[in-house]
Structure formats: structure tokens, C-alpha cells
Amino acid sequence: MLTDHRDRQAGNLTAVSGAEHHDTKQILKRSVERAPTANREKIVMIRRWKMTVAAAAMLVLTTAGMAATPAVRLRAGNVEYRDADGHVKPITSGGGYREAVLSADGRRIAFIHIDTPPPYESMPNTTSLWVADLVTGKMRRLLSSRADKNPERSLASFQHPRFSLGGGFVYIDAEAWATSNAVHQIRVATSAERFVIDGSTLGIIRTGPYRGYLLVGRHKYHPAPEGGSYDPVSVVRPDGTEVLMVPGSDEDDGAQSVPAWLERNGWTAF
């Protein structure tokens, strides 16, 4: 451990080892004991001043690396943003917001608004997707609810927004089939929307050869004569092309194999 003390000749803060600091304390102690009574109080005051300076220096060094990480949170149904200095700024008002996420570059926040609660608990909410730009301070609706008989086009209710790595797109999971959701991609700049693939987004791969690709949980059926269904996790390109199935994810509780697969390869996803 390093301790700061005032150099007697140059007056600069110098780092010394714990052993040297102990020797310095012993020398100062003997100096006080040998000094005339009239000077002892003055020496003690100097020692206390030096200890205060050292403590203040250590406090600065300790707190310098404690800046908060920018983040978003929900409070009473509204979105709040906390900057690197710990200052909290309200983004929305009126309530009804949920699932706020921050883009990787820290510029935008995407979140879901519950437009109309369902008349029955078994029915989904009518929702909309919003984005707030922290640079311009503007907030706008990116996607509205839209029902359609075609499950690939139905956007009556959706959830789980995720930014692409570059922040130019937002992915959502829309309720579609009885056994599966549908992944959609929305371009932030134009609000253009398109169907990507059936399933639910579990994360976006951040490192490795599949950086920027999606991890999608899907519902599939074994061919005859085996039959039956299974729920593998697929690596999917942003254009909807399935690249591979995560090894082992076709077994029972297959999603649990994903963290081990990522760790084995030294990749991250969230």
C-alpha cells in the first residue's frame, strides 16, 4: 500500500512504502519527545496537518475512479436517466412505461409504453415503442400497435426492446403464433420495420466472429417418425438468416447451454 507524505525539502507529495512510512512516524515521535515543551504542541500540529493532507490525497485517489456508469431505470412507471456524474434526469411523465434500455453508445434510450391495458388478464397489452435522444433531448414514437392476420406482420403487442450494436436499429419480440413470438427490426432513423425470424430474442452477441448477430430462442418440431417439439437457440444474422444452432440447446432446458458455449469461446452476449 502507498501512503502520501510531504517531502521536507521540495514540498512535493511523494509516495512511500508502508515500511518507510512507519520509520518516518518513529522519527517524528522521537522529535516530539526530545523537543522543548514549548515546541511540542507546534510539532504535533504539524504532524496532524501532514496526516490530514495525506488522508485527503488518498480520498481523492479513491473516489476518482468511482464515477457512476450511465444507466436508465424505471420509477413509478416513468423512465429516468442517470449520467456519469450520478445526476438523474426524468425522460418521461404520465406513467405506463416499461423495459427501458440504453444504446451501446449511450446516446439513445428505447422503451415500451402500454397504450391500452387488456380487458382480460389473459389478453396482451396494446403497446408502442418509443426512443429518446439524449443529445437532442427529443422523444418520439418509433412504432405503434398494428394487428394483422398474418403472424409475421402482426404488431398488436410487443416487448423486450434491444438496440443493435451500432444503435441504428431496435429489435422487439411481437406476439405472433400460439407457440412462438416474432422478432422484428425497426430502423431508428426512419421507423422502417421488418420481420426478422420467428422466436424470441435472448441477446445480441457482442464479441467474436458473430458480433452483432442475434441469439434467438425458437420453437421447432422433430421430423417424422420421431415427432415432438423442441426449443433450440439459434445464432441469427440481422437479415434473418439462421447461421447455426447453439450446441446442446436442442436438449431439455437447452437455453442453459448458451452461457457455457459463449464462455468456451470467449464471447459475450446480452
C-alpha atoms as a PDB file:
ATOM      1  CA  MET A   1       0.000   0.000   0.000  1.00  0.00           C
ATOM      2  CA  LEU A   2       1.235   3.517  -0.817  1.00  0.00           C
ATOM      3  CA  THR A   3       0.907   6.427   1.616  1.00  0.00           C
ATOM      4  CA  ASP A   4       1.469  10.087   0.707  1.00  0.00           C
ATOM      5  CA  HIS A   5       3.573  12.414   2.866  1.00  0.00           C
ATOM      6  CA  ARG A   6       5.085  15.905   2.384  1.00  0.00           C
ATOM      7  CA  ASP A   7       8.740  15.883   1.275  1.00  0.00           C
ATOM      8  CA  ARG A   8      10.625  18.063   3.741  1.00  0.00           C
ATOM      9  CA  GLN A   9      12.892  19.760   1.174  1.00  0.00           C
ATOM     10  CA  ALA A  10      10.913  20.025  -2.082  1.00  0.00           C
ATOM     11  CA  GLY A  11       7.433  20.252  -0.573  1.00  0.00           C
ATOM     12  CA  ASN A  12       6.080  17.710  -3.094  1.00  0.00           C
ATOM     13  CA  LEU A  13       3.754  14.792  -2.413  1.00  0.00           C
ATOM     14  CA  THR A  14       5.870  11.646  -2.576  1.00  0.00           C
ATOM     15  CA  ALA A  15       4.696   8.019  -2.469  1.00  0.00           C
ATOM     16  CA  VAL A  16       6.485   5.885   0.097  1.00  0.00           C
ATOM     17  CA  SER A  17       6.125   2.289   1.154  1.00  0.00           C
ATOM     18  CA  GLY A  18       4.359   1.253   4.342  1.00  0.00           C
ATOM     19  CA  ALA A  19       7.708   0.397   5.970  1.00  0.00           C
ATOM     20  CA  GLU A  20       9.192   3.811   5.166  1.00  0.00           C
ATOM     21  CA  HIS A  21       6.052   5.484   6.479  1.00  0.00           C
ATOM     22  CA  HIS A  22       6.435   3.568   9.755  1.00  0.00           C
ATOM     23  CA  ASP A  23      10.082   4.744  10.088  1.00  0.00           C
ATOM     24  CA  THR A  24       9.010   8.335   9.428  1.00  0.00           C
ATOM     25  CA  LYS A  25       6.390   8.132  12.183  1.00  0.00           C
ATOM     26  CA  GLN A  26       9.015   6.834  14.667  1.00  0.00           C
ATOM     27  CA  ILE A  27      11.404   9.694  13.808  1.00  0.00           C
ATOM     28  CA  LEU A  28       8.657  12.275  14.261  1.00  0.00           C
ATOM     29  CA  LYS A  29       7.637  10.680  17.549  1.00  0.00           C
ATOM     30  CA  ARG A  30      11.211  10.899  18.904  1.00  0.00           C
ATOM     31  CA  SER A  31      11.426  14.500  17.677  1.00  0.00           C
ATOM     32  CA  VAL A  32       8.382  15.408  19.735  1.00  0.00           C
ATOM     33  CA  GLU A  33       9.686  13.654  22.842  1.00  0.00           C
ATOM     34  CA  ARG A  34      13.071  15.431  22.647  1.00  0.00           C
ATOM     35  CA  ALA A  35      11.728  18.873  21.800  1.00  0.00           C
ATOM     36  CA  PRO A  36      11.289  21.590  24.463  1.00  0.00           C
ATOM     37  CA  THR A  37       7.840  21.624  25.997  1.00  0.00           C
ATOM     38  CA  ALA A  38       7.003  24.924  24.273  1.00  0.00           C
ATOM     39  CA  ASN A  39       7.662  23.435  20.843  1.00  0.00           C
ATOM     40  CA  ARG A  40       5.897  20.100  21.307  1.00  0.00           C
ATOM     41  CA  GLU A  41       2.420  21.451  20.621  1.00  0.00           C
ATOM     42  CA  LYS A  42       3.647  23.065  17.398  1.00  0.00           C
ATOM     43  CA  ILE A  43       5.282  19.819  16.218  1.00  0.00           C
ATOM     44  CA  VAL A  44       2.140  17.829  16.992  1.00  0.00           C
ATOM     45  CA  MET A  45       0.048  20.323  14.991  1.00  0.00           C
ATOM     46  CA  ILE A  46       2.425  19.959  12.008  1.00  0.00           C
ATOM     47  CA  ARG A  47       2.146  16.176  12.234  1.00  0.00           C
ATOM     48  CA  ARG A  48      -1.638  16.344  12.281  1.00  0.00           C
ATOM     49  CA  TRP A  49      -1.611  18.687   9.281  1.00  0.00           C
ATOM     50  CA  LYS A  50       0.585  16.274   7.321  1.00  0.00           C
ATOM     51  CA  MET A  51      -1.694  13.360   8.205  1.00  0.00           C
ATOM     52  CA  THR A  52      -4.720  15.390   7.056  1.00  0.00           C
ATOM     53  CA  VAL A  53      -3.042  16.181   3.728  1.00  0.00           C
ATOM     54  CA  ALA A  54      -2.199  12.509   3.237  1.00  0.00           C
ATOM     55  CA  ALA A  55      -5.736  11.396   4.081  1.00  0.00           C
ATOM     56  CA  ALA A  56      -7.221  13.950   1.680  1.00  0.00           C
ATOM     57  CA  ALA A  57      -4.892  12.793  -1.092  1.00  0.00           C
ATOM     58  CA  MET A  58      -5.893   9.162  -0.531  1.00  0.00           C
ATOM     59  CA  LEU A  59      -9.576  10.150  -0.571  1.00  0.00           C
ATOM     60  CA  VAL A  60      -9.141  11.868  -3.943  1.00  0.00           C
ATOM     61  CA  LEU A  61      -7.343   8.832  -5.356  1.00  0.00           C
ATOM     62  CA  THR A  62     -10.043   6.507  -4.028  1.00  0.00           C
ATOM     63  CA  THR A  63     -13.047   8.467  -5.262  1.00  0.00           C
ATOM     64  CA  ALA A  64     -11.552   9.403  -8.652  1.00  0.00           C
ATOM     65  CA  GLY A  65     -12.487   6.009 -10.088  1.00  0.00           C
ATOM     66  CA  MET A  66     -15.950   5.912  -8.571  1.00  0.00           C
ATOM     67  CA  ALA A  67     -17.829   7.793 -11.333  1.00  0.00           C
ATOM     68  CA  ALA A  68     -21.207   6.209 -11.928  1.00  0.00           C
ATOM     69  CA  THR A  69     -21.894   4.274 -15.112  1.00  0.00           C
ATOM     70  CA  PRO A  70     -24.653   5.926 -17.181  1.00  0.00           C
ATOM     71  CA  ALA A  71     -27.847   3.935 -16.826  1.00  0.00           C
ATOM     72  CA  VAL A  72     -31.615   4.033 -17.214  1.00  0.00           C
ATOM     73  CA  ARG A  73     -34.239   2.985 -14.706  1.00  0.00           C
ATOM     74  CA  LEU A  74     -37.990   2.994 -14.153  1.00  0.00           C
ATOM     75  CA  ARG A  75     -39.638   4.860 -11.314  1.00  0.00           C
ATOM     76  CA  ALA A  76     -43.425   4.869 -10.855  1.00  0.00           C
ATOM     77  CA  GLY A  77     -43.916   3.866 -14.493  1.00  0.00           C
ATOM     78  CA  ASN A  78     -41.606   6.552 -15.894  1.00  0.00           C
ATOM     79  CA  VAL A  79     -38.131   6.421 -17.409  1.00  0.00           C
ATOM     80  CA  GLU A  80     -35.190   8.133 -15.724  1.00  0.00           C
ATOM     81  CA  TYR A  81     -31.608   8.564 -16.927  1.00  0.00           C
ATOM     82  CA  ARG A  82     -28.584   8.724 -14.610  1.00  0.00           C
ATOM     83  CA  ASP A  83     -25.446  10.260 -16.113  1.00  0.00           C
ATOM     84  CA  ALA A  84     -21.791   9.537 -15.287  1.00  0.00           C
ATOM     85  CA  ASP A  85     -21.846  12.144 -12.503  1.00  0.00           C
ATOM     86  CA  GLY A  86     -24.822  10.484 -10.828  1.00  0.00           C
ATOM     87  CA  HIS A  87     -27.310  13.190 -11.847  1.00  0.00           C
ATOM     88  CA  VAL A  88     -30.789  11.803 -12.535  1.00  0.00           C
ATOM     89  CA  LYS A  89     -32.924  13.263 -15.322  1.00  0.00           C
ATOM     90  CA  PRO A  90     -36.589  12.341 -15.922  1.00  0.00           C
ATOM     91  CA  ILE A  91     -37.239  11.265 -19.514  1.00  0.00           C
ATOM     92  CA  THR A  92     -40.993  10.603 -19.468  1.00  0.00           C
ATOM     93  CA  SER A  93     -44.048  11.596 -17.462  1.00  0.00           C
ATOM     94  CA  GLY A  94     -47.563  10.252 -17.091  1.00  0.00           C
ATOM     95  CA  GLY A  95     -46.569   6.637 -16.381  1.00  0.00           C
ATOM     96  CA  GLY A  96     -47.247   3.464 -18.312  1.00  0.00           C
ATOM     97  CA  TYR A  97     -43.639   2.991 -19.486  1.00  0.00           C
ATOM     98  CA  ARG A  98     -41.502  -0.115 -19.059  1.00  0.00           C
ATOM     99  CA  GLU A  99     -38.460  -2.017 -20.359  1.00  0.00           C
ATOM    100  CA  ALA A 100     -36.133   0.952 -20.893  1.00  0.00           C
ATOM    101  CA  VAL A 101     -32.760   0.154 -22.499  1.00  0.00           C
ATOM    102  CA  LEU A 102     -29.737   2.325 -23.271  1.00  0.00           C
ATOM    103  CA  SER A 103     -27.890   2.099 -26.598  1.00  0.00           C
ATOM    104  CA  ALA A 104     -24.260   0.974 -26.506  1.00  0.00           C
ATOM    105  CA  ASP A 105     -23.026   4.466 -27.420  1.00  0.00           C
ATOM    106  CA  GLY A 106     -25.110   5.987 -24.606  1.00  0.00           C
ATOM    107  CA  ARG A 107     -26.949   8.348 -26.955  1.00  0.00           C
ATOM    108  CA  ARG A 108     -30.457   6.878 -27.084  1.00  0.00           C
ATOM    109  CA  ILE A 109     -32.988   5.173 -24.835  1.00  0.00           C
ATOM    110  CA  ALA A 110     -35.657   2.824 -26.179  1.00  0.00           C
ATOM    111  CA  PHE A 111     -38.702   1.850 -24.123  1.00  0.00           C
ATOM    112  CA  ILE A 112     -42.185   0.391 -24.322  1.00  0.00           C
ATOM    113  CA  HIS A 113     -45.395   2.204 -23.456  1.00  0.00           C
ATOM    114  CA  ILE A 114     -48.592   0.388 -22.517  1.00  0.00           C
ATOM    115  CA  ASP A 115     -51.181   2.232 -24.600  1.00  0.00           C
ATOM    116  CA  THR A 116     -54.241   0.181 -23.635  1.00  0.00           C
ATOM    117  CA  PRO A 117     -54.388  -2.375 -20.831  1.00  0.00           C
ATOM    118  CA  PRO A 118     -56.242  -5.546 -21.872  1.00  0.00           C
ATOM    119  CA  PRO A 119     -59.857  -6.064 -20.782  1.00  0.00           C
ATOM    120  CA  TYR A 120     -58.884  -9.519 -19.529  1.00  0.00           C
ATOM    121  CA  GLU A 121     -55.658 -10.645 -17.872  1.00  0.00           C
ATOM    122  CA  SER A 122     -55.175 -13.398 -20.430  1.00  0.00           C
ATOM    123  CA  MET A 123     -55.042 -10.844 -23.268  1.00  0.00           C
ATOM    124  CA  PRO A 124     -51.894  -8.894 -24.214  1.00  0.00           C
ATOM    125  CA  ASN A 125     -51.376  -5.162 -23.753  1.00  0.00           C
ATOM    126  CA  THR A 126     -51.610  -2.789 -26.694  1.00  0.00           C
ATOM    127  CA  THR A 127     -48.145  -1.248 -26.815  1.00  0.00           C
ATOM    128  CA  SER A 128     -45.967   1.272 -28.634  1.00  0.00           C
ATOM    129  CA  LEU A 129     -42.178   1.654 -28.975  1.00  0.00           C
ATOM    130  CA  TRP A 130     -40.522   4.973 -28.151  1.00  0.00           C
ATOM    131  CA  VAL A 131     -36.996   6.336 -28.432  1.00  0.00           C
ATOM    132  CA  ALA A 132     -35.433   9.310 -26.624  1.00  0.00           C
ATOM    133  CA  ASP A 133     -32.329  11.059 -27.959  1.00  0.00           C
ATOM    134  CA  LEU A 134     -30.161  12.247 -25.068  1.00  0.00           C
ATOM    135  CA  VAL A 135     -28.182  14.592 -27.328  1.00  0.00           C
ATOM    136  CA  THR A 136     -31.116  16.491 -28.858  1.00  0.00           C
ATOM    137  CA  GLY A 137     -33.439  15.963 -25.895  1.00  0.00           C
ATOM    138  CA  LYS A 138     -36.229  14.833 -28.236  1.00  0.00           C
ATOM    139  CA  MET A 139     -38.520  11.832 -27.743  1.00  0.00           C
ATOM    140  CA  ARG A 140     -40.682  10.213 -30.413  1.00  0.00           C
ATOM    141  CA  ARG A 141     -42.858   7.205 -31.095  1.00  0.00           C
ATOM    142  CA  LEU A 142     -40.932   4.697 -33.191  1.00  0.00           C
ATOM    143  CA  LEU A 143     -43.621   2.048 -33.669  1.00  0.00           C
ATOM    144  CA  SER A 144     -47.360   1.848 -32.975  1.00  0.00           C
ATOM    145  CA  SER A 145     -49.539  -1.172 -32.346  1.00  0.00           C
ATOM    146  CA  ARG A 146     -50.865  -2.822 -35.509  1.00  0.00           C
ATOM    147  CA  ALA A 147     -52.911  -6.004 -35.691  1.00  0.00           C
ATOM    148  CA  ASP A 148     -52.721  -8.295 -38.704  1.00  0.00           C
ATOM    149  CA  LYS A 149     -53.999 -11.780 -39.514  1.00  0.00           C
ATOM    150  CA  ASN A 150     -50.537 -12.709 -40.788  1.00  0.00           C
ATOM    151  CA  PRO A 151     -48.421 -13.533 -37.681  1.00  0.00           C
ATOM    152  CA  GLU A 152     -45.293 -12.201 -39.412  1.00  0.00           C
ATOM    153  CA  ARG A 153     -46.883  -8.785 -39.797  1.00  0.00           C
ATOM    154  CA  SER A 154     -48.876  -8.594 -36.565  1.00  0.00           C
ATOM    155  CA  LEU A 155     -47.655  -5.942 -34.122  1.00  0.00           C
ATOM    156  CA  ALA A 156     -50.655  -5.762 -31.807  1.00  0.00           C
ATOM    157  CA  SER A 157     -48.436  -6.243 -28.755  1.00  0.00           C
ATOM    158  CA  PHE A 158     -44.652  -6.331 -28.428  1.00  0.00           C
ATOM    159  CA  GLN A 159     -41.929  -6.174 -25.789  1.00  0.00           C
ATOM    160  CA  HIS A 160     -38.217  -6.667 -24.975  1.00  0.00           C
ATOM    161  CA  PRO A 161     -36.567  -3.833 -26.981  1.00  0.00           C
ATOM    162  CA  ARG A 162     -32.851  -4.250 -27.721  1.00  0.00           C
ATOM    163  CA  PHE A 163     -30.543  -1.923 -29.609  1.00  0.00           C
ATOM    164  CA  SER A 164     -28.264  -3.216 -32.344  1.00  0.00           C
ATOM    165  CA  LEU A 165     -24.583  -2.754 -31.531  1.00  0.00           C
ATOM    166  CA  GLY A 166     -24.354   0.420 -33.606  1.00  0.00           C
ATOM    167  CA  GLY A 167     -27.582   1.814 -32.165  1.00  0.00           C
ATOM    168  CA  GLY A 168     -29.197   2.259 -35.584  1.00  0.00           C
ATOM    169  CA  PHE A 169     -31.841  -0.435 -35.065  1.00  0.00           C
ATOM    170  CA  VAL A 170     -34.098  -1.685 -32.292  1.00  0.00           C
ATOM    171  CA  TYR A 171     -35.237  -5.310 -32.104  1.00  0.00           C
ATOM    172  CA  ILE A 172     -38.516  -6.281 -30.455  1.00  0.00           C
ATOM    173  CA  ASP A 173     -40.436  -9.503 -29.794  1.00  0.00           C
ATOM    174  CA  ALA A 174     -44.030  -9.336 -31.022  1.00  0.00           C
ATOM    175  CA  GLU A 175     -46.759 -11.783 -30.072  1.00  0.00           C
ATOM    176  CA  ALA A 176     -47.442 -13.873 -33.165  1.00  0.00           C
ATOM    177  CA  TRP A 177     -48.106 -17.617 -33.155  1.00  0.00           C
ATOM    178  CA  ALA A 178     -49.615 -19.669 -30.345  1.00  0.00           C
ATOM    179  CA  THR A 179     -46.230 -21.295 -29.671  1.00  0.00           C
ATOM    180  CA  SER A 180     -43.803 -18.549 -30.711  1.00  0.00           C
ATOM    181  CA  ASN A 181     -43.186 -14.831 -30.866  1.00  0.00           C
ATOM    182  CA  ALA A 182     -41.786 -12.994 -33.883  1.00  0.00           C
ATOM    183  CA  VAL A 183     -38.609 -10.899 -33.929  1.00  0.00           C
ATOM    184  CA  HIS A 184     -38.891  -7.555 -35.731  1.00  0.00           C
ATOM    185  CA  GLN A 185     -36.268  -4.941 -36.569  1.00  0.00           C
ATOM    186  CA  ILE A 186     -37.031  -1.186 -36.556  1.00  0.00           C
ATOM    187  CA  ARG A 187     -34.687   1.379 -38.087  1.00  0.00           C
ATOM    188  CA  VAL A 188     -34.300   4.299 -35.637  1.00  0.00           C
ATOM    189  CA  ALA A 189     -33.786   6.981 -38.300  1.00  0.00           C
ATOM    190  CA  THR A 190     -36.879   6.185 -40.394  1.00  0.00           C
ATOM    191  CA  SER A 191     -39.104   3.909 -38.246  1.00  0.00           C
ATOM    192  CA  ALA A 192     -38.992   1.347 -41.081  1.00  0.00           C
ATOM    193  CA  GLU A 193     -39.970  -2.067 -39.678  1.00  0.00           C
ATOM    194  CA  ARG A 194     -39.459  -5.602 -40.952  1.00  0.00           C
ATOM    195  CA  PHE A 195     -39.940  -9.175 -39.789  1.00  0.00           C
ATOM    196  CA  VAL A 196     -36.680 -10.978 -38.978  1.00  0.00           C
ATOM    197  CA  ILE A 197     -37.489 -14.509 -37.773  1.00  0.00           C
ATOM    198  CA  ASP A 198     -39.870 -16.480 -35.602  1.00  0.00           C
ATOM    199  CA  GLY A 199     -38.827 -16.754 -31.942  1.00  0.00           C
ATOM    200  CA  SER A 200     -37.730 -14.535 -29.068  1.00  0.00           C
ATOM    201  CA  THR A 201     -34.503 -12.548 -28.822  1.00  0.00           C
ATOM    202  CA  LEU A 202     -32.341 -13.751 -25.925  1.00  0.00           C
ATOM    203  CA  GLY A 203     -29.441 -11.403 -26.560  1.00  0.00           C
ATOM    204  CA  ILE A 204     -27.077  -9.859 -29.084  1.00  0.00           C
ATOM    205  CA  ILE A 205     -23.565 -11.268 -29.445  1.00  0.00           C
ATOM    206  CA  ARG A 206     -21.013  -8.563 -28.582  1.00  0.00           C
ATOM    207  CA  THR A 207     -17.679 -10.182 -29.448  1.00  0.00           C
ATOM    208  CA  GLY A 208     -16.216 -12.830 -31.728  1.00  0.00           C
ATOM    209  CA  PRO A 209     -16.976 -13.792 -35.334  1.00  0.00           C
ATOM    210  CA  TYR A 210     -20.744 -13.498 -34.776  1.00  0.00           C
ATOM    211  CA  ARG A 211     -20.559  -9.997 -33.324  1.00  0.00           C
ATOM    212  CA  GLY A 212     -23.865  -8.191 -33.919  1.00  0.00           C
ATOM    213  CA  TYR A 213     -25.794 -11.408 -34.562  1.00  0.00           C
ATOM    214  CA  LEU A 214     -28.868 -12.324 -32.515  1.00  0.00           C
ATOM    215  CA  LEU A 215     -29.392 -15.223 -30.137  1.00  0.00           C
ATOM    216  CA  VAL A 216     -32.970 -16.333 -30.760  1.00  0.00           C
ATOM    217  CA  GLY A 217     -34.940 -18.944 -28.851  1.00  0.00           C
ATOM    218  CA  ARG A 218     -37.145 -20.820 -31.310  1.00  0.00           C
ATOM    219  CA  HIS A 219     -39.848 -23.478 -31.237  1.00  0.00           C
ATOM    220  CA  LYS A 220     -39.291 -26.322 -33.704  1.00  0.00           C
ATOM    221  CA  TYR A 221     -40.649 -29.786 -34.456  1.00  0.00           C
ATOM    222  CA  HIS A 222     -38.754 -33.016 -34.996  1.00  0.00           C
ATOM    223  CA  PRO A 223     -39.480 -34.642 -38.354  1.00  0.00           C
ATOM    224  CA  ALA A 224     -41.402 -37.903 -38.571  1.00  0.00           C
ATOM    225  CA  PRO A 225     -41.220 -40.554 -37.366  1.00  0.00           C
ATOM    226  CA  GLU A 226     -39.684 -39.073 -34.206  1.00  0.00           C
ATOM    227  CA  GLY A 227     -42.101 -36.162 -33.950  1.00  0.00           C
ATOM    228  CA  GLY A 228     -42.472 -33.872 -30.970  1.00  0.00           C
ATOM    229  CA  SER A 229     -41.200 -30.349 -30.430  1.00  0.00           C
ATOM    230  CA  TYR A 230     -38.036 -28.772 -29.037  1.00  0.00           C
ATOM    231  CA  ASP A 231     -36.815 -25.243 -28.275  1.00  0.00           C
ATOM    232  CA  PRO A 232     -33.269 -24.651 -29.559  1.00  0.00           C
ATOM    233  CA  VAL A 233     -31.332 -21.381 -29.516  1.00  0.00           C
ATOM    234  CA  SER A 234     -30.127 -20.174 -32.905  1.00  0.00           C
ATOM    235  CA  VAL A 235     -27.496 -17.666 -33.973  1.00  0.00           C
ATOM    236  CA  VAL A 236     -29.291 -15.410 -36.471  1.00  0.00           C
ATOM    237  CA  ARG A 237     -27.972 -12.719 -38.773  1.00  0.00           C
ATOM    238  CA  PRO A 238     -29.735  -9.327 -38.648  1.00  0.00           C
ATOM    239  CA  ASP A 239     -31.289 -10.168 -42.035  1.00  0.00           C
ATOM    240  CA  GLY A 240     -32.993 -13.231 -40.518  1.00  0.00           C
ATOM    241  CA  THR A 241     -30.641 -15.928 -41.814  1.00  0.00           C
ATOM    242  CA  GLU A 242     -30.124 -18.724 -39.291  1.00  0.00           C
ATOM    243  CA  VAL A 243     -26.380 -19.382 -39.090  1.00  0.00           C
ATOM    244  CA  LEU A 244     -26.215 -22.225 -36.586  1.00  0.00           C
ATOM    245  CA  MET A 245     -27.886 -23.820 -33.608  1.00  0.00           C
ATOM    246  CA  VAL A 246     -26.058 -23.403 -30.299  1.00  0.00           C
ATOM    247  CA  PRO A 247     -24.650 -26.872 -29.493  1.00  0.00           C
ATOM    248  CA  GLY A 248     -26.711 -28.635 -26.853  1.00  0.00           C
ATOM    249  CA  SER A 249     -29.560 -26.156 -26.974  1.00  0.00           C
ATOM    250  CA  ASP A 250     -31.844 -28.725 -28.610  1.00  0.00           C
ATOM    251  CA  GLU A 251     -31.901 -30.727 -25.367  1.00  0.00           C
ATOM    252  CA  ASP A 252     -34.275 -30.166 -22.437  1.00  0.00           C
ATOM    253  CA  ASP A 253     -33.534 -26.791 -20.810  1.00  0.00           C
ATOM    254  CA  GLY A 254     -31.312 -26.128 -23.811  1.00  0.00           C
ATOM    255  CA  ALA A 255     -31.104 -22.398 -23.153  1.00  0.00           C
ATOM    256  CA  GLN A 256     -28.862 -23.211 -20.195  1.00  0.00           C
ATOM    257  CA  SER A 257     -26.192 -24.394 -22.641  1.00  0.00           C
ATOM    258  CA  VAL A 258     -25.804 -20.913 -24.140  1.00  0.00           C
ATOM    259  CA  PRO A 259     -23.697 -19.316 -21.329  1.00  0.00           C
ATOM    260  CA  ALA A 260     -21.320 -22.299 -21.342  1.00  0.00           C
ATOM    261  CA  TRP A 261     -20.997 -22.127 -25.143  1.00  0.00           C
ATOM    262  CA  LEU A 262     -20.200 -18.405 -25.009  1.00  0.00           C
ATOM    263  CA  GLU A 263     -17.686 -18.862 -22.191  1.00  0.00           C
ATOM    264  CA  ARG A 264     -15.928 -21.711 -24.014  1.00  0.00           C
ATOM    265  CA  ASN A 265     -15.383 -19.471 -26.990  1.00  0.00           C
ATOM    266  CA  GLY A 266     -14.552 -16.340 -25.008  1.00  0.00           C
ATOM    267  CA  TRP A 267     -17.552 -14.411 -26.356  1.00  0.00           C
ATOM    268  CA  THR A 268     -20.157 -12.245 -24.620  1.00  0.00           C
ATOM    269  CA  ALA A 269     -23.823 -11.604 -25.337  1.00  0.00           C
ATOM    270  CA  PHE A 270     -26.647  -9.704 -23.678  1.00  0.00           C
END
